[in-house]
Amino acid sequence: MAKIKIKTKSSAKKRFKVTKTGKIFRHRSHVGHNTGFKSSKHMNRLTKEVEVPKELKEHAKKALGLKG
């Protein structure tokens, strides 16, 4: 019998980006609304992508259907 393929979570593939080296990046939160009172320095920092912490990396990999 053939093994069942693991499906990628649609929400995960929209939220995470995987690099060639295996790092998983995500967008920062608090950018969607109420941006009028935040400084441009603060907003610039929020627009950059950051690496997923190692504590949550396994959860992200499982949601993306990646091995290991």
Protein backbone atom coordinates (compact mmCIF):
# COMPACT_ATOMS: atom_id res chain seq x y z
CA MET A 1 0.00 0.00 0.00
CA ALA A 2 1.21 3.48 -0.84
CA LYS A 3 1.82 6.02 1.89
CA ILE A 4 -0.49 9.00 2.12
CA LYS A 5 1.07 12.31 1.11
CA ILE A 6 1.24 15.03 3.76
CA LYS A 7 -0.63 18.11 2.60
CA THR A 8 0.81 21.58 3.12
CA LYS A 9 -1.37 23.85 5.21
CA SER A 10 -2.61 26.64 2.94
CA SER A 11 -2.27 29.20 5.73
CA ALA A 12 1.36 28.20 6.32
CA LYS A 13 2.46 28.52 2.72
CA LYS A 14 1.08 32.07 2.69
CA ARG A 15 2.81 33.04 5.96
CA PHE A 16 6.27 31.45 5.72
CA LYS A 17 9.12 31.54 3.23
CA VAL A 18 11.81 28.82 3.15
CA THR A 19 15.31 29.63 1.94
CA LYS A 20 17.66 27.26 0.10
CA THR A 21 19.65 26.74 3.30
CA GLY A 22 16.51 25.65 5.17
CA LYS A 23 15.82 28.78 7.19
CA ILE A 24 12.16 29.70 7.64
CA PHE A 25 11.22 33.39 7.59
CA ARG A 26 8.02 35.13 8.68
CA HIS A 27 6.62 38.66 8.60
CA ARG A 28 6.41 40.73 11.76
CA SER A 29 3.06 41.51 13.33
CA HIS A 30 1.39 44.89 14.11
CA VAL A 31 1.67 46.27 10.56
CA GLY A 32 -1.93 45.84 9.40
CA HIS A 33 -3.65 48.85 10.91
CA ASN A 34 -3.25 51.71 13.44
CA THR A 35 -0.01 52.72 11.74
CA GLY A 36 -0.61 56.47 11.92
CA PHE A 37 0.95 56.96 15.34
CA LYS A 38 3.89 54.61 14.78
CA SER A 39 7.13 56.29 13.76
CA SER A 40 8.65 55.63 10.34
CA LYS A 41 11.64 54.05 12.12
CA HIS A 42 9.29 51.65 13.91
CA MET A 43 7.37 50.83 10.72
CA ASN A 44 10.59 50.23 8.79
CA ARG A 45 11.68 47.73 11.43
CA LEU A 46 8.33 45.94 11.25
CA THR A 47 8.42 45.50 7.47
CA LYS A 48 11.52 43.31 7.56
CA GLU A 49 11.22 39.53 7.67
CA VAL A 50 12.68 37.63 10.61
CA GLU A 51 13.69 34.02 11.06
CA VAL A 52 11.31 31.72 12.91
CA PRO A 53 12.77 30.87 16.35
CA LYS A 54 14.09 27.36 16.87
CA GLU A 55 11.33 26.61 19.40
CA LEU A 56 8.67 27.04 16.69
CA LYS A 57 10.66 25.78 13.70
CA GLU A 58 9.39 22.20 14.02
CA HIS A 59 5.75 23.38 14.07
CA ALA A 60 6.33 25.49 10.95
CA LYS A 61 8.06 22.62 9.16
CA LYS A 62 5.20 20.26 9.93
CA ALA A 63 2.64 22.78 8.67
CA LEU A 64 4.65 23.26 5.49
CA GLY A 65 4.94 19.51 4.95
CA LEU A 66 8.75 19.50 5.18
CA LYS A 67 10.83 16.62 6.48
CA GLY A 68 12.84 16.74 9.69
